[in-house]
């Protein structure tokens, strides 16, 4: 690698980090997704450019997904799954969008992601609310028994809901 390219690479990493587009949580949760996508792409004998063309995204964007720098939308994951001939659910799990429940054939997360009437933002809001309810249930299960008031649950989850998109 040339010194100019190495310097440029360091500068772009620093800029991405400073802009908040990458964080430890994103890189940590998507590292396995990126590794898996690269493994599948190489197994299918596709270049990064070829896969990007098939999926309908830019070559740099796909590269950032593979390196764990970007979080792809559910729609992009579906296109990747189709192009690589792998399960979209598998990609959702690796991206941390869906948490598999053993023994249950379907999941709330998959139903939300499959709903074409919802925008991406609405899907993520619903997934956040669902996750917060599950976290509350786990916390309550670990705490001494105390009947939860519906108003308490609503107050704790209302902060996680985004305003709906204006049509």
N, C-alpha and C. Protein backbone atom coordinates (compact mmCIF):
# COMPACT_ATOMS: atom_id res chain seq x y z
N UNK A 1 0.85 -1.17 0.00
CA UNK A 1 0.00 0.00 0.00
C UNK A 1 0.89 1.23 0.00
N UNK A 2 0.52 2.20 -0.82
CA UNK A 2 1.32 3.41 -0.91
C UNK A 2 1.11 4.26 0.34
N UNK A 3 2.10 5.10 0.68
CA UNK A 3 1.94 5.95 1.86
C UNK A 3 0.73 6.88 1.74
N UNK A 4 0.46 7.39 0.53
CA UNK A 4 -0.69 8.28 0.34
C UNK A 4 -2.00 7.54 0.60
N UNK A 5 -2.07 6.29 0.11
CA UNK A 5 -3.29 5.51 0.31
C UNK A 5 -3.48 5.15 1.79
N UNK A 6 -2.39 4.80 2.46
CA UNK A 6 -2.47 4.47 3.88
C UNK A 6 -2.93 5.69 4.67
N UNK A 7 -2.39 6.86 4.32
CA UNK A 7 -2.79 8.09 5.00
C UNK A 7 -4.25 8.40 4.74
N UNK A 8 -4.69 8.20 3.49
CA UNK A 8 -6.08 8.45 3.13
C UNK A 8 -7.01 7.50 3.87
N UNK A 9 -6.59 6.25 3.98
CA UNK A 9 -7.39 5.25 4.68
C UNK A 9 -7.54 5.61 6.16
N UNK A 10 -6.43 6.05 6.79
CA UNK A 10 -6.48 6.46 8.19
C UNK A 10 -7.39 7.67 8.36
N UNK A 11 -7.29 8.62 7.43
CA UNK A 11 -8.11 9.83 7.52
C UNK A 11 -9.59 9.50 7.38
N UNK A 12 -9.94 8.60 6.45
CA UNK A 12 -11.35 8.27 6.27
C UNK A 12 -11.89 7.48 7.47
N UNK A 13 -11.06 6.64 8.07
CA UNK A 13 -11.49 5.94 9.28
C UNK A 13 -11.73 6.92 10.42
N UNK A 14 -10.83 7.88 10.57
CA UNK A 14 -10.97 8.88 11.62
C UNK A 14 -12.20 9.74 11.39
N UNK A 15 -12.45 10.12 10.12
CA UNK A 15 -13.62 10.94 9.81
C UNK A 15 -14.90 10.17 10.08
N UNK A 16 -14.94 8.90 9.71
CA UNK A 16 -16.14 8.08 9.95
C UNK A 16 -16.38 7.94 11.44
N UNK A 17 -15.32 7.74 12.19
CA UNK A 17 -15.46 7.58 13.64
C UNK A 17 -15.94 8.88 14.27
N UNK A 18 -15.37 9.99 13.82
CA UNK A 18 -15.76 11.29 14.37
C UNK A 18 -17.19 11.64 14.03
N UNK A 19 -17.66 11.21 12.86
CA UNK A 19 -19.02 11.56 12.45
C UNK A 19 -20.07 10.70 13.14
N UNK A 20 -19.63 9.69 13.88
CA UNK A 20 -20.57 8.87 14.63
C UNK A 20 -21.19 7.77 13.79
N UNK A 21 -20.73 7.59 12.58
CA UNK A 21 -21.32 6.55 11.72
C UNK A 21 -20.84 5.17 12.12
N UNK A 22 -19.73 5.11 12.79
CA UNK A 22 -19.28 3.81 13.30
C UNK A 22 -19.15 3.92 14.79
N UNK A 23 -19.47 2.88 15.44
CA UNK A 23 -19.32 2.82 16.88
C UNK A 23 -18.93 1.41 17.24
N UNK A 24 -18.48 1.25 18.44
CA UNK A 24 -18.06 -0.08 18.86
C UNK A 24 -19.20 -1.07 18.77
N UNK A 25 -20.41 -0.65 19.14
CA UNK A 25 -21.55 -1.56 19.11
C UNK A 25 -21.87 -1.97 17.68
N UNK A 26 -21.84 -1.01 16.75
CA UNK A 26 -22.16 -1.34 15.35
C UNK A 26 -21.10 -2.27 14.79
N UNK A 27 -19.84 -1.91 14.96
CA UNK A 27 -18.77 -2.75 14.42
C UNK A 27 -18.80 -4.13 15.07
N UNK A 28 -19.05 -4.19 16.37
CA UNK A 28 -19.08 -5.48 17.06
C UNK A 28 -20.23 -6.34 16.60
N UNK A 29 -21.42 -5.75 16.45
CA UNK A 29 -22.58 -6.56 16.08
C UNK A 29 -22.57 -6.93 14.61
N UNK A 30 -21.93 -6.10 13.77
CA UNK A 30 -21.96 -6.37 12.34
C UNK A 30 -20.72 -7.07 11.84
N UNK A 31 -19.70 -7.22 12.69
CA UNK A 31 -18.49 -7.90 12.26
C UNK A 31 -18.79 -9.28 11.72
N UNK A 32 -19.64 -10.02 12.41
CA UNK A 32 -19.96 -11.36 11.94
C UNK A 32 -20.79 -11.31 10.67
N UNK A 33 -21.65 -10.31 10.51
CA UNK A 33 -22.42 -10.17 9.28
C UNK A 33 -21.48 -9.92 8.11
N UNK A 34 -20.57 -8.96 8.27
CA UNK A 34 -19.64 -8.63 7.20
C UNK A 34 -18.76 -9.82 6.82
N UNK A 35 -18.25 -10.52 7.82
CA UNK A 35 -17.43 -11.70 7.55
C UNK A 35 -18.24 -12.76 6.80
N UNK A 36 -19.47 -12.96 7.23
CA UNK A 36 -20.34 -13.95 6.59
C UNK A 36 -20.64 -13.56 5.14
N UNK A 37 -20.95 -12.28 4.91
CA UNK A 37 -21.24 -11.83 3.55
C UNK A 37 -20.02 -12.01 2.64
N UNK A 38 -18.86 -11.66 3.16
CA UNK A 38 -17.64 -11.81 2.34
C UNK A 38 -17.39 -13.28 2.02
N UNK A 39 -17.57 -14.13 3.02
CA UNK A 39 -17.38 -15.56 2.82
C UNK A 39 -18.35 -16.09 1.75
N UNK A 40 -19.60 -15.68 1.82
CA UNK A 40 -20.61 -16.12 0.85
C UNK A 40 -20.30 -15.56 -0.54
N UNK A 41 -19.87 -14.30 -0.60
CA UNK A 41 -19.54 -13.68 -1.89
C UNK A 41 -18.37 -14.38 -2.56
N UNK A 42 -17.33 -14.67 -1.77
CA UNK A 42 -16.18 -15.38 -2.33
C UNK A 42 -16.54 -16.80 -2.73
N UNK A 43 -17.39 -17.45 -1.94
CA UNK A 43 -17.86 -18.80 -2.28
C UNK A 43 -18.66 -18.82 -3.57
N UNK A 44 -19.37 -17.74 -3.84
CA UNK A 44 -20.15 -17.63 -5.08
C UNK A 44 -19.29 -17.12 -6.23
N UNK A 45 -18.02 -16.89 -5.97
CA UNK A 45 -17.06 -16.38 -6.94
C UNK A 45 -17.52 -15.07 -7.58
N UNK A 46 -17.97 -14.16 -6.70
CA UNK A 46 -18.40 -12.84 -7.15
C UNK A 46 -17.44 -11.79 -6.62
N UNK A 47 -17.14 -10.81 -7.46
CA UNK A 47 -16.34 -9.69 -6.97
C UNK A 47 -17.27 -8.76 -6.20
N UNK A 48 -16.68 -7.86 -5.45
CA UNK A 48 -17.46 -6.89 -4.71
C UNK A 48 -18.32 -6.07 -5.67
N UNK A 49 -17.75 -5.69 -6.79
CA UNK A 49 -18.46 -4.89 -7.79
C UNK A 49 -19.62 -5.68 -8.40
N UNK A 50 -19.41 -6.95 -8.70
CA UNK A 50 -20.48 -7.78 -9.28
C UNK A 50 -21.66 -7.91 -8.32
N UNK A 51 -21.36 -8.17 -7.04
CA UNK A 51 -22.43 -8.32 -6.06
C UNK A 51 -23.15 -6.99 -5.85
N UNK A 52 -22.41 -5.90 -5.80
CA UNK A 52 -23.02 -4.58 -5.64
C UNK A 52 -23.98 -4.29 -6.79
N UNK A 53 -23.58 -4.63 -8.01
CA UNK A 53 -24.46 -4.43 -9.17
C UNK A 53 -25.72 -5.27 -9.06
N UNK A 54 -25.59 -6.53 -8.63
CA UNK A 54 -26.75 -7.41 -8.50
C UNK A 54 -27.72 -6.91 -7.42
N UNK A 55 -27.17 -6.37 -6.36
CA UNK A 55 -27.98 -5.93 -5.23
C UNK A 55 -28.56 -4.54 -5.47
N UNK A 56 -27.89 -3.74 -6.30
CA UNK A 56 -28.36 -2.40 -6.57
C UNK A 56 -27.84 -1.37 -5.58
N UNK A 57 -26.65 -1.62 -5.03
CA UNK A 57 -26.01 -0.67 -4.13
C UNK A 57 -24.64 -0.33 -4.70
N UNK A 58 -24.02 0.69 -4.14
CA UNK A 58 -22.69 1.07 -4.63
C UNK A 58 -21.63 0.12 -4.09
N UNK A 59 -20.55 0.04 -4.84
CA UNK A 59 -19.41 -0.79 -4.46
C UNK A 59 -18.84 -0.35 -3.10
N UNK A 60 -18.63 0.96 -2.86
CA UNK A 60 -18.10 1.38 -1.55
C UNK A 60 -19.05 1.05 -0.40
N UNK A 61 -20.36 1.19 -0.63
CA UNK A 61 -21.33 0.89 0.43
C UNK A 61 -21.26 -0.58 0.81
N UNK A 62 -21.21 -1.46 -0.19
CA UNK A 62 -21.12 -2.90 0.08
C UNK A 62 -19.82 -3.22 0.81
N UNK A 63 -18.75 -2.57 0.42
CA UNK A 63 -17.46 -2.77 1.10
C UNK A 63 -17.56 -2.36 2.56
N UNK A 64 -18.25 -1.25 2.85
CA UNK A 64 -18.41 -0.80 4.22
C UNK A 64 -19.26 -1.78 5.03
N UNK A 65 -20.25 -2.37 4.40
CA UNK A 65 -21.07 -3.39 5.09
C UNK A 65 -20.19 -4.59 5.44
N UNK A 66 -19.39 -5.04 4.49
CA UNK A 66 -18.52 -6.19 4.73
C UNK A 66 -17.50 -5.91 5.83
N UNK A 67 -17.07 -4.67 5.95
CA UNK A 67 -16.09 -4.31 6.98
C UNK A 67 -16.74 -3.93 8.30
N UNK A 68 -18.08 -3.98 8.36
CA UNK A 68 -18.78 -3.67 9.60
C UNK A 68 -18.90 -2.20 9.91
N UNK A 69 -18.74 -1.35 8.90
CA UNK A 69 -18.81 0.09 9.11
C UNK A 69 -20.21 0.66 8.89
N UNK A 70 -21.04 -0.07 8.19
CA UNK A 70 -22.41 0.39 7.91
C UNK A 70 -23.40 -0.69 8.28
N UNK A 71 -24.59 -0.24 8.67
CA UNK A 71 -25.68 -1.15 9.00
C UNK A 71 -26.65 -1.14 7.83
N UNK A 72 -26.78 -2.26 7.12
CA UNK A 72 -27.70 -2.29 5.98
C UNK A 72 -29.15 -2.36 6.43
N UNK A 73 -30.04 -1.84 5.60
CA UNK A 73 -31.47 -1.91 5.90
C UNK A 73 -31.96 -3.34 5.64
N UNK A 74 -33.15 -3.63 6.12
CA UNK A 74 -33.75 -4.94 5.89
C UNK A 74 -33.91 -5.20 4.40
N UNK A 75 -34.23 -4.16 3.64
CA UNK A 75 -34.39 -4.32 2.19
C UNK A 75 -33.07 -4.71 1.52
N UNK A 76 -31.98 -4.06 1.91
CA UNK A 76 -30.66 -4.40 1.35
C UNK A 76 -30.28 -5.82 1.75
N UNK A 77 -30.58 -6.21 2.98
CA UNK A 77 -30.29 -7.59 3.41
C UNK A 77 -31.08 -8.59 2.58
N UNK A 78 -32.33 -8.26 2.26
CA UNK A 78 -33.13 -9.15 1.42
C UNK A 78 -32.51 -9.29 0.03
N UNK A 79 -32.05 -8.17 -0.54
CA UNK A 79 -31.42 -8.21 -1.86
C UNK A 79 -30.11 -9.00 -1.82
N UNK A 80 -29.35 -8.83 -0.75
CA UNK A 80 -28.10 -9.59 -0.59
C UNK A 80 -28.40 -11.09 -0.50
N UNK A 81 -29.42 -11.42 0.28
CA UNK A 81 -29.78 -12.84 0.44
C UNK A 81 -30.18 -13.44 -0.91
N UNK A 82 -30.95 -12.68 -1.67
CA UNK A 82 -31.39 -13.17 -2.98
C UNK A 82 -30.19 -13.37 -3.91
N UNK A 83 -29.29 -12.38 -3.94
CA UNK A 83 -28.13 -12.46 -4.84
C UNK A 83 -27.17 -13.57 -4.45
N UNK A 84 -27.01 -13.79 -3.13
CA UNK A 84 -26.07 -14.81 -2.65
C UNK A 84 -26.73 -16.18 -2.48
N UNK A 85 -28.05 -16.21 -2.67
CA UNK A 85 -28.83 -17.45 -2.52
C UNK A 85 -28.68 -18.03 -1.11
N UNK A 86 -28.88 -17.15 -0.13
CA UNK A 86 -28.88 -17.56 1.27
C UNK A 86 -30.18 -17.08 1.90
N UNK A 87 -30.47 -17.54 3.08
CA UNK A 87 -31.68 -17.17 3.79
C UNK A 87 -31.61 -15.73 4.28
N UNK A 88 -32.67 -14.95 3.98
CA UNK A 88 -32.73 -13.58 4.49
C UNK A 88 -32.78 -13.59 6.01
N UNK A 89 -33.47 -14.58 6.58
CA UNK A 89 -33.55 -14.68 8.05
C UNK A 89 -32.16 -14.85 8.65
N UNK A 90 -31.31 -15.63 7.99
CA UNK A 90 -29.94 -15.83 8.47
C UNK A 90 -29.20 -14.49 8.51
N UNK A 91 -29.40 -13.67 7.49
CA UNK A 91 -28.74 -12.36 7.48
C UNK A 91 -29.31 -11.45 8.56
N UNK A 92 -30.64 -11.52 8.79
CA UNK A 92 -31.25 -10.71 9.85
C UNK A 92 -30.67 -11.09 11.21
N UNK A 93 -30.49 -12.38 11.43
CA UNK A 93 -29.93 -12.86 12.70
C UNK A 93 -28.50 -12.36 12.84
N UNK A 94 -27.70 -12.51 11.80
CA UNK A 94 -26.30 -12.07 11.87
C UNK A 94 -26.17 -10.56 12.01
N UNK A 95 -27.16 -9.81 11.49
CA UNK A 95 -27.14 -8.35 11.61
C UNK A 95 -27.66 -7.90 12.98
N UNK A 96 -28.19 -8.84 13.76
CA UNK A 96 -28.70 -8.49 15.07
C UNK A 96 -30.10 -7.90 15.04
N UNK A 97 -30.78 -8.00 13.89
CA UNK A 97 -32.14 -7.48 13.77
C UNK A 97 -33.13 -8.48 14.36
N UNK A 98 -32.89 -9.75 14.11
CA UNK A 98 -33.77 -10.82 14.59
C UNK A 98 -33.00 -11.68 15.57
N UNK A 99 -33.66 -12.02 16.68
CA UNK A 99 -33.07 -12.91 17.67
C UNK A 99 -33.84 -14.22 17.60
N UNK A 100 -33.18 -15.27 17.14
CA UNK A 100 -33.90 -16.53 16.94
C UNK A 100 -34.41 -17.12 18.25
N UNK A 101 -35.65 -17.55 18.22
CA UNK A 101 -36.24 -18.23 19.36
C UNK A 101 -36.34 -19.70 19.00
N UNK A 102 -35.54 -20.56 19.64
CA UNK A 102 -35.58 -21.98 19.31
C UNK A 102 -36.97 -22.55 19.54
N UNK A 103 -37.40 -23.38 18.61
CA UNK A 103 -38.69 -24.06 18.76
C UNK A 103 -39.87 -23.26 18.27
N UNK A 104 -39.67 -22.00 17.87
CA UNK A 104 -40.77 -21.21 17.35
C UNK A 104 -40.55 -20.98 15.86
N UNK A 105 -41.52 -21.40 15.03
CA UNK A 105 -41.33 -21.34 13.58
C UNK A 105 -41.25 -19.92 13.02
N UNK A 106 -41.97 -18.96 13.58
CA UNK A 106 -41.93 -17.59 13.08
C UNK A 106 -41.60 -16.65 14.20
N UNK A 107 -41.40 -15.41 13.88
CA UNK A 107 -41.10 -14.46 14.94
C UNK A 107 -41.75 -13.12 14.63
N UNK A 108 -41.96 -12.36 15.65
CA UNK A 108 -42.52 -11.02 15.51
C UNK A 108 -41.60 -10.18 14.63
N UNK A 109 -40.28 -10.30 14.85
CA UNK A 109 -39.32 -9.52 14.08
C UNK A 109 -39.45 -9.78 12.59
N UNK A 110 -39.56 -11.04 12.21
CA UNK A 110 -39.67 -11.38 10.79
C UNK A 110 -40.97 -10.85 10.20
N UNK A 111 -42.06 -10.91 10.96
CA UNK A 111 -43.34 -10.38 10.47
C UNK A 111 -43.23 -8.88 10.23
N UNK A 112 -42.58 -8.17 11.14
CA UNK A 112 -42.40 -6.73 10.98
C UNK A 112 -41.55 -6.45 9.74
N UNK A 113 -40.45 -7.15 9.61
CA UNK A 113 -39.54 -6.92 8.48
C UNK A 113 -40.19 -7.25 7.14
N UNK A 114 -41.10 -8.21 7.13
CA UNK A 114 -41.74 -8.63 5.89
C UNK A 114 -42.91 -7.73 5.49
N UNK A 115 -43.36 -6.88 6.38
CA UNK A 115 -44.53 -6.04 6.10
C UNK A 115 -44.17 -4.92 5.13
N UNK A 116 -44.68 -5.03 3.91
CA UNK A 116 -44.34 -4.04 2.87
C UNK A 116 -45.09 -2.73 3.04
N UNK A 117 -46.09 -2.69 3.91
CA UNK A 117 -46.85 -1.46 4.14
C UNK A 117 -46.11 -0.50 5.07
N UNK A 118 -45.04 -0.95 5.72
CA UNK A 118 -44.29 -0.13 6.66
C UNK A 118 -43.03 0.42 6.00
N UNK A 119 -42.63 1.63 6.43
CA UNK A 119 -41.36 2.18 5.97
C UNK A 119 -40.24 1.55 6.80
N UNK A 120 -39.01 1.73 6.35
CA UNK A 120 -37.86 1.21 7.10
C UNK A 120 -37.82 1.81 8.50
N UNK A 121 -38.09 3.08 8.60
CA UNK A 121 -38.06 3.75 9.90
C UNK A 121 -39.13 3.19 10.83
N UNK A 122 -40.32 2.95 10.29
CA UNK A 122 -41.40 2.38 11.10
C UNK A 122 -41.04 0.97 11.55
N UNK A 123 -40.43 0.19 10.65
CA UNK A 123 -40.02 -1.17 11.01
C UNK A 123 -39.03 -1.13 12.17
N UNK A 124 -38.04 -0.25 12.08
CA UNK A 124 -37.03 -0.17 13.15
C UNK A 124 -37.65 0.31 14.45
N UNK A 125 -38.61 1.23 14.37
CA UNK A 125 -39.29 1.69 15.58
C UNK A 125 -40.04 0.55 16.25
N UNK A 126 -40.78 -0.23 15.46
CA UNK A 126 -41.51 -1.37 16.02
C UNK A 126 -40.57 -2.40 16.61
N UNK A 127 -39.45 -2.65 15.93
CA UNK A 127 -38.47 -3.60 16.45
C UNK A 127 -37.89 -3.11 17.78
N UNK A 128 -37.65 -1.80 17.88
CA UNK A 128 -37.14 -1.23 19.13
C UNK A 128 -38.15 -1.39 20.27
N UNK A 129 -39.43 -1.12 19.98
CA UNK A 129 -40.47 -1.26 21.00
C UNK A 129 -40.57 -2.71 21.45
N UNK A 130 -40.57 -3.63 20.49
CA UNK A 130 -40.64 -5.06 20.81
C UNK A 130 -39.47 -5.46 21.70
N UNK A 131 -38.26 -5.03 21.32
CA UNK A 131 -37.07 -5.36 22.11
C UNK A 131 -37.15 -4.78 23.51
N UNK A 132 -37.70 -3.57 23.64
CA UNK A 132 -37.80 -2.97 24.97
C UNK A 132 -38.80 -3.72 25.85
N UNK A 133 -39.90 -4.21 25.26
CA UNK A 133 -40.84 -5.02 26.03
C UNK A 133 -40.19 -6.32 26.49
N UNK A 134 -39.42 -6.95 25.62
CA UNK A 134 -38.73 -8.19 26.01
C UNK A 134 -37.74 -7.92 27.13
N UNK A 135 -37.01 -6.81 27.03
CA UNK A 135 -36.04 -6.46 28.07
C UNK A 135 -36.74 -6.20 29.40
N UNK A 136 -37.89 -5.52 29.34
CA UNK A 136 -38.66 -5.27 30.57
C UNK A 136 -39.11 -6.58 31.19
N UNK A 137 -39.56 -7.51 30.36
CA UNK A 137 -40.01 -8.80 30.87
C UNK A 137 -38.86 -9.55 31.53
N UNK A 138 -37.68 -9.51 30.93
CA UNK A 138 -36.52 -10.18 31.53
C UNK A 138 -36.14 -9.53 32.85
N UNK A 139 -36.16 -8.20 32.88
CA UNK A 139 -35.83 -7.47 34.10
C UNK A 139 -36.84 -7.79 35.20
N UNK A 140 -38.12 -7.79 34.84
CA UNK A 140 -39.16 -8.08 35.82
C UNK A 140 -39.09 -9.51 36.32
N UNK A 141 -38.69 -10.42 35.46
CA UNK A 141 -38.56 -11.82 35.87
C UNK A 141 -37.43 -12.00 36.88
N UNK A 142 -36.40 -11.17 36.75
CA UNK A 142 -35.26 -11.26 37.66
C UNK A 142 -35.51 -10.51 38.97
N UNK A 143 -36.43 -9.54 38.94
CA UNK A 143 -36.72 -8.73 40.12
C UNK A 143 -37.79 -9.41 40.97
N UNK A 144 -37.90 -9.00 42.25
CA UNK A 144 -38.97 -9.55 43.09
C UNK A 144 -40.33 -9.27 42.46
N UNK A 145 -41.26 -10.18 42.63
CA UNK A 145 -42.57 -10.07 42.02
C UNK A 145 -43.29 -8.82 42.49
N UNK A 146 -43.71 -8.02 41.54
CA UNK A 146 -44.49 -6.82 41.81
C UNK A 146 -45.38 -6.62 40.60
N UNK A 147 -46.66 -6.51 40.80
CA UNK A 147 -47.53 -6.36 39.63
C UNK A 147 -47.20 -5.08 38.87
N UNK A 148 -47.00 -5.21 37.56
CA UNK A 148 -46.67 -4.05 36.74
C UNK A 148 -47.96 -3.37 36.31
N UNK A 149 -47.93 -2.06 36.43
CA UNK A 149 -49.07 -1.28 35.98
C UNK A 149 -48.89 -0.99 34.49
N UNK A 150 -49.95 -1.06 33.69
CA UNK A 150 -49.81 -0.76 32.26
C UNK A 150 -49.22 0.62 32.01
N UNK A 151 -49.54 1.59 32.84
CA UNK A 151 -48.99 2.94 32.65
C UNK A 151 -47.47 2.95 32.83
N UNK A 152 -46.95 2.11 33.75
CA UNK A 152 -45.51 2.02 33.94
C UNK A 152 -44.83 1.51 32.68
N UNK A 153 -45.39 0.46 32.08
CA UNK A 153 -44.81 -0.11 30.87
C UNK A 153 -44.84 0.89 29.73
N UNK A 154 -45.93 1.62 29.61
CA UNK A 154 -46.05 2.59 28.54
C UNK A 154 -45.02 3.70 28.70
N UNK A 155 -44.85 4.22 29.92
CA UNK A 155 -43.88 5.28 30.15
C UNK A 155 -42.47 4.83 29.80
N UNK A 156 -42.12 3.59 30.13
CA UNK A 156 -40.75 3.12 29.90
C UNK A 156 -40.47 2.86 28.43
N UNK A 157 -41.48 2.58 27.63
CA UNK A 157 -41.23 2.26 26.23
C UNK A 157 -41.51 3.42 25.30
N UNK A 158 -42.24 4.43 25.75
CA UNK A 158 -42.59 5.54 24.89
C UNK A 158 -41.36 6.28 24.37
N UNK A 159 -40.29 6.32 25.13
CA UNK A 159 -39.07 7.00 24.71
C UNK A 159 -38.41 6.32 23.52
N UNK A 160 -38.73 5.06 23.28
CA UNK A 160 -38.06 4.31 22.20
C UNK A 160 -38.78 4.44 20.87
N UNK A 161 -39.94 5.05 20.84
CA UNK A 161 -40.74 5.13 19.62
C UNK A 161 -40.44 6.44 18.90
N UNK A 162 -40.07 6.36 17.63
CA UNK A 162 -39.85 7.55 16.82
C UNK A 162 -41.18 8.11 16.37
N UNK A 163 -41.17 9.39 16.02
CA UNK A 163 -42.36 9.98 15.44
C UNK A 163 -42.59 9.32 14.09
N UNK A 164 -43.85 9.10 13.69
CA UNK A 164 -44.12 8.47 12.40
C UNK A 164 -43.68 9.38 11.26
N UNK A 165 -43.29 8.75 10.14
CA UNK A 165 -42.91 9.51 8.96
C UNK A 165 -44.12 10.27 8.45
N UNK A 166 -43.87 11.49 7.98
CA UNK A 166 -44.96 12.27 7.41
C UNK A 166 -45.16 11.81 5.98
N UNK A 167 -46.37 11.61 5.63
CA UNK A 167 -46.70 11.11 4.28
C UNK A 167 -46.91 12.26 3.31
